[in-house]
Amino acid sequence: MEIQNAVAIVTGGASGLGEATARQLVESGGKVAILDLAQEKGQALAEELGNDHAMFVQTDVTSEGSVREAIEQATSRFGTIHVAVNCAGIGTAQKTLSRSGPHPLESFSRVIGVNLIGTFNVIRLAVEQMAGNEPNKQGERGVIINTASVAAFDGQIGQAAYSASKGGIVGMTLPIARDLAPYGIRVMTIAPGLFDTPLFDKLSRPAKEALGAAVPFPPRLGRPAEFAMLTESIIQNTMLNGETIRLDGAIRMQPK
């Protein structure tokens, strides 16, 4: 699919991986609706990218009504949706059993709700719109790109909830791709390793460098722009479908 004049929605688009993706798509000639809860950051980014190319919609990915409203606003402004990139997500660090007792069910459910159910909520409502698009010369009507994590495969101590949510995204990639194949809609997932996102903002530079040194090559934290580059490649390469790509510099996470 050509990015020039394509319309994308990007959840979690106000910062981190989502922000980098929104920037990359606009730079390549696309139009982007930034979906995020962070209103101030989202509006500032949309204004920076230009009103002709970007818009912001405050969105809760766990809410059907909120996502429907965001999609309606995006289609009203830009005509349709060709691409949906799911970057919205949260994390928690809690052991299944610790000195304070068992893992709180509420926090486990919240992570699953945002990361896994929120991703599926956006997919199912976005493809309803995409299915009505005119197919391009290769029969494509849309592309879905999800964000998992290497934690889906190498979950560390305290990551039961996070790993479960990201493992669920990996697990549903192929069946959803098969579900949507008749409509000409592709589905891919990226599993990033250690990336320099707001998750690490509280760490000092030496601490970040120490984390990056654990990566075989390149021995540093990933850059959000490198994630964005892969989303662009996925959009443009029609044969990429139903698969998860690790973007991790060959790291395999240790227990802790």
Protein backbone atom coordinates (compact mmCIF):
# COMPACT_ATOMS: atom_id res chain seq x y z
CA MET A 1 0.00 0.00 0.00
CA GLU A 2 1.28 3.45 -0.87
CA ILE A 3 1.64 5.79 2.09
CA GLN A 4 1.19 8.92 -0.03
CA ASN A 5 -2.33 10.21 0.77
CA ALA A 6 -3.15 7.17 2.91
CA VAL A 7 -5.07 7.86 6.11
CA ALA A 8 -3.92 6.29 9.36
CA ILE A 9 -5.11 6.22 12.94
CA VAL A 10 -2.37 5.78 15.55
CA THR A 11 -3.31 4.92 19.12
CA GLY A 12 -0.91 6.05 21.79
CA GLY A 13 0.12 8.54 19.13
CA ALA A 14 0.99 11.45 21.43
CA SER A 15 4.32 10.04 22.61
CA GLY A 16 6.92 7.31 22.23
CA LEU A 17 6.50 4.75 19.47
CA GLY A 18 3.14 6.18 18.44
CA GLU A 19 4.46 9.72 18.11
CA ALA A 20 7.39 8.55 15.99
CA THR A 21 5.00 6.60 13.77
CA ALA A 22 2.70 9.58 13.30
CA ARG A 23 5.67 11.75 12.36
CA GLN A 24 7.00 9.18 9.89
CA LEU A 25 3.67 8.71 8.15
CA VAL A 26 3.08 12.43 7.73
CA GLU A 27 6.65 12.91 6.49
CA SER A 28 5.97 10.21 3.87
CA GLY A 29 2.85 11.96 2.62
CA GLY A 30 0.16 10.31 4.72
CA LYS A 31 -2.52 11.78 6.95
CA VAL A 32 -2.81 10.80 10.59
CA ALA A 33 -5.40 10.88 13.32
CA ILE A 34 -3.58 10.79 16.67
CA LEU A 35 -5.62 8.86 19.24
CA ASP A 36 -4.50 9.23 22.85
CA LEU A 37 -5.66 10.18 26.32
CA ALA A 38 -2.93 12.84 26.63
CA GLN A 39 -4.83 15.81 25.24
CA GLU A 40 -2.18 18.51 25.63
CA LYS A 41 0.60 16.47 24.01
CA GLY A 42 -1.68 15.12 21.29
CA GLN A 43 -2.99 18.53 20.27
CA ALA A 44 0.52 20.02 20.27
CA LEU A 45 1.79 17.22 18.01
CA ALA A 46 -1.13 17.58 15.60
CA GLU A 47 -0.55 21.32 15.35
CA GLU A 48 3.16 20.76 14.75
CA LEU A 49 2.48 18.26 11.97
CA GLY A 50 -0.05 20.58 10.34
CA ASN A 51 -3.82 20.65 10.27
CA ASP A 52 -3.91 19.45 6.67
CA HIS A 53 -2.06 16.28 7.62
CA ALA A 54 -2.86 15.53 11.26
CA MET A 55 -5.58 15.74 13.86
CA PHE A 56 -5.95 14.73 17.49
CA VAL A 57 -8.85 12.90 19.11
CA GLN A 58 -8.80 12.17 22.83
CA THR A 59 -9.56 8.46 22.93
CA ASP A 60 -9.93 5.66 25.45
CA VAL A 61 -9.12 2.47 23.54
CA THR A 62 -11.06 0.35 26.05
CA SER A 63 -14.31 2.18 25.26
CA GLU A 64 -16.37 1.22 22.21
CA GLY A 65 -18.04 4.61 22.15
CA SER A 66 -14.78 6.51 22.40
CA VAL A 67 -13.12 4.54 19.58
CA ARG A 68 -16.20 4.79 17.36
CA GLU A 69 -16.25 8.55 17.88
CA ALA A 70 -12.54 8.79 17.02
CA ILE A 71 -13.02 6.81 13.82
CA GLU A 72 -16.02 8.94 12.86
CA GLN A 73 -14.01 12.12 13.39
CA ALA A 74 -11.07 10.77 11.39
CA THR A 75 -13.25 9.69 8.47
CA SER A 76 -15.19 12.94 8.57
CA ARG A 77 -11.94 14.90 8.33
CA PHE A 78 -9.91 12.72 5.95
CA GLY A 79 -12.53 10.63 4.13
CA THR A 80 -11.67 7.10 5.27
CA ILE A 81 -9.05 4.97 7.08
CA HIS A 82 -6.45 2.82 5.35
CA VAL A 83 -4.08 2.05 8.24
CA ALA A 84 -4.46 1.48 11.98
CA VAL A 85 -1.34 1.34 14.18
CA ASN A 86 -1.96 0.23 17.77
CA CYS A 87 0.68 1.64 20.12
CA ALA A 88 -1.46 2.42 23.18
CA GLY A 89 -0.40 0.38 26.18
CA ILE A 90 0.44 0.34 29.87
CA GLY A 91 2.60 -1.84 32.12
CA THR A 92 2.90 -2.97 35.69
CA ALA A 93 5.59 -4.73 37.71
CA GLN A 94 4.02 -7.09 40.23
CA LYS A 95 4.87 -10.65 41.17
CA THR A 96 2.22 -13.36 41.18
CA LEU A 97 2.94 -13.77 44.89
CA SER A 98 4.98 -11.41 47.04
CA ARG A 99 5.34 -10.47 50.71
CA SER A 100 2.34 -8.20 50.35
CA GLY A 101 0.17 -11.07 49.07
CA PRO A 102 -1.13 -12.28 45.71
CA HIS A 103 -1.03 -10.17 42.54
CA PRO A 104 -4.01 -7.74 42.68
CA LEU A 105 -6.60 -8.93 40.20
CA GLU A 106 -7.63 -5.37 39.41
CA SER A 107 -4.20 -4.35 38.12
CA PHE A 108 -3.89 -7.57 36.09
CA SER A 109 -7.29 -6.94 34.50
CA ARG A 110 -6.44 -3.31 33.77
CA VAL A 111 -3.29 -4.21 31.84
CA ILE A 112 -5.16 -6.87 29.85
CA GLY A 113 -7.99 -4.41 29.28
CA VAL A 114 -5.85 -1.67 27.80
CA ASN A 115 -3.16 -3.65 25.99
CA LEU A 116 -5.05 -6.64 24.65
CA ILE A 117 -8.76 -5.83 24.69
CA GLY A 118 -8.07 -2.21 23.73
CA THR A 119 -6.04 -3.36 20.73
CA PHE A 120 -8.79 -5.70 19.60
CA ASN A 121 -11.42 -3.01 20.14
CA VAL A 122 -9.59 -0.66 17.77
CA ILE A 123 -8.99 -3.42 15.22
CA ARG A 124 -12.61 -4.56 15.02
CA LEU A 125 -13.99 -1.03 14.64
CA ALA A 126 -11.30 0.18 12.24
CA VAL A 127 -11.73 -2.75 9.85
CA GLU A 128 -15.45 -2.10 9.68
CA GLN A 129 -14.51 1.18 8.00
CA MET A 130 -11.64 -0.27 5.95
CA ALA A 131 -13.81 -2.98 4.44
CA GLY A 132 -15.69 -0.30 2.52
CA ASN A 133 -12.57 1.12 0.87
CA GLU A 134 -11.98 0.70 -2.83
CA PRO A 135 -9.23 -1.92 -3.24
CA ASN A 136 -5.94 -0.85 -4.78
CA LYS A 137 -4.33 -2.66 -7.72
CA GLN A 138 -3.21 -5.49 -5.43
CA GLY A 139 -6.63 -5.86 -3.84
CA GLU A 140 -5.69 -4.15 -0.59
CA ARG A 141 -8.19 -2.20 1.44
CA GLY A 142 -6.31 -1.74 4.71
CA VAL A 143 -3.40 -2.57 7.01
CA ILE A 144 -3.41 -3.20 10.76
CA ILE A 145 -0.15 -2.98 12.75
CA ASN A 146 -0.15 -3.97 16.42
CA THR A 147 2.48 -3.50 19.10
CA ALA A 148 3.44 -6.48 21.24
CA SER A 149 6.78 -6.83 23.06
CA VAL A 150 9.63 -9.28 23.49
CA ALA A 151 7.96 -9.81 26.89
CA ALA A 152 5.43 -11.90 24.99
CA PHE A 153 8.21 -14.48 24.61
CA ASP A 154 10.78 -13.62 27.31
CA GLY A 155 8.65 -12.39 30.19
CA GLN A 156 10.63 -11.32 33.23
CA ILE A 157 9.90 -11.59 36.94
CA GLY A 158 6.95 -9.34 37.74
CA GLN A 159 5.67 -9.23 34.15
CA ALA A 160 2.84 -11.75 34.33
CA ALA A 161 0.17 -9.21 33.38
CA TYR A 162 2.24 -7.40 30.76
CA SER A 163 3.51 -10.60 29.14
CA ALA A 164 0.00 -12.06 29.07
CA SER A 165 -1.35 -8.96 27.35
CA LYS A 166 1.41 -8.87 24.75
CA GLY A 167 1.31 -12.65 24.24
CA GLY A 168 -2.39 -12.29 23.50
CA ILE A 169 -1.64 -9.74 20.79
CA VAL A 170 0.87 -12.13 19.21
CA GLY A 171 -1.59 -15.00 19.45
CA MET A 172 -4.47 -13.19 17.75
CA THR A 173 -2.40 -11.81 14.86
CA LEU A 174 -2.69 -14.84 12.57
CA PRO A 175 -6.38 -15.64 13.15
CA ILE A 176 -7.37 -12.01 12.61
CA ALA A 177 -5.26 -11.89 9.44
CA ARG A 178 -7.12 -14.98 8.25
CA ASP A 179 -10.46 -13.47 9.22
CA LEU A 180 -9.74 -10.31 7.24
CA ALA A 181 -8.01 -11.81 4.20
CA PRO A 182 -11.25 -11.89 2.16
CA TYR A 183 -11.54 -8.12 2.64
CA GLY A 184 -7.97 -7.41 1.51
CA ILE A 185 -6.92 -6.24 4.97
CA ARG A 186 -3.50 -7.29 6.29
CA VAL A 187 -2.59 -7.71 9.97
CA MET A 188 0.93 -7.55 11.38
CA THR A 189 2.47 -7.21 14.83
CA ILE A 190 5.79 -5.71 15.93
CA ALA A 191 7.44 -6.98 19.13
CA PRO A 192 9.93 -4.29 20.23
CA GLY A 193 12.77 -4.98 22.64
CA LEU A 194 14.27 -2.25 24.85
CA PHE A 195 13.29 1.10 23.34
CA ASP A 196 13.97 4.62 24.57
CA THR A 197 10.38 5.63 25.24
CA PRO A 198 8.70 7.58 28.07
CA LEU A 199 8.74 4.31 30.04
CA PHE A 200 12.43 4.98 30.70
CA ASP A 201 12.20 8.75 31.22
CA LYS A 202 12.89 8.48 34.96
CA LEU A 203 16.16 6.65 34.39
CA SER A 204 19.50 8.45 34.31
CA ARG A 205 21.66 8.38 31.20
CA PRO A 206 24.09 5.87 32.79
CA ALA A 207 21.14 3.61 33.66
CA LYS A 208 19.85 3.78 30.08
CA GLU A 209 23.30 3.02 28.73
CA ALA A 210 23.56 0.01 31.05
CA LEU A 211 20.24 -1.30 29.76
CA GLY A 212 21.29 -0.74 26.17
CA ALA A 213 24.55 -2.57 26.73
CA ALA A 214 22.55 -5.77 27.22
CA VAL A 215 21.49 -5.66 23.58
CA PRO A 216 23.84 -7.78 21.39
CA PHE A 217 23.83 -5.37 18.45
CA PRO A 218 23.45 -2.52 18.28
CA PRO A 219 24.37 -2.25 22.01
CA ARG A 220 21.93 0.53 22.84
CA LEU A 221 18.25 1.19 23.39
CA GLY A 222 16.12 1.18 20.28
CA ARG A 223 14.98 4.49 18.87
CA PRO A 224 11.27 5.16 18.29
CA ALA A 225 12.12 6.25 14.74
CA GLU A 226 13.36 2.69 14.06
CA PHE A 227 9.97 1.33 15.08
CA ALA A 228 8.34 3.89 12.78
CA MET A 229 10.57 2.81 9.90
CA LEU A 230 9.33 -0.76 10.29
CA THR A 231 5.68 0.32 10.29
CA GLU A 232 6.32 2.10 7.01
CA SER A 233 7.93 -1.01 5.51
CA ILE A 234 5.00 -3.16 6.63
CA ILE A 235 2.50 -0.81 5.04
CA GLN A 236 4.38 -0.83 1.73
CA ASN A 237 5.12 -4.58 1.52
CA THR A 238 1.94 -6.43 0.58
CA MET A 239 3.37 -9.88 1.30
CA LEU A 240 3.79 -9.10 5.01
CA ASN A 241 0.73 -10.54 6.69
CA GLY A 242 -0.21 -12.60 9.74
CA GLU A 243 3.21 -12.44 11.41
CA THR A 244 5.01 -10.95 14.40
CA ILE A 245 8.40 -9.31 13.81
CA ARG A 246 10.83 -8.96 16.72
CA LEU A 247 12.56 -5.58 16.63
CA ASP A 248 15.09 -6.12 19.38
CA GLY A 249 18.74 -6.17 18.33
CA ALA A 250 18.81 -9.94 19.07
CA ILE A 251 18.20 -9.52 22.80
CA ARG A 252 16.69 -12.36 24.80
CA MET A 253 15.52 -11.11 28.18
CA GLN A 254 16.87 -12.69 31.36
CA PRO A 255 14.55 -13.56 34.28
CA LYS A 256 15.29 -10.18 35.90
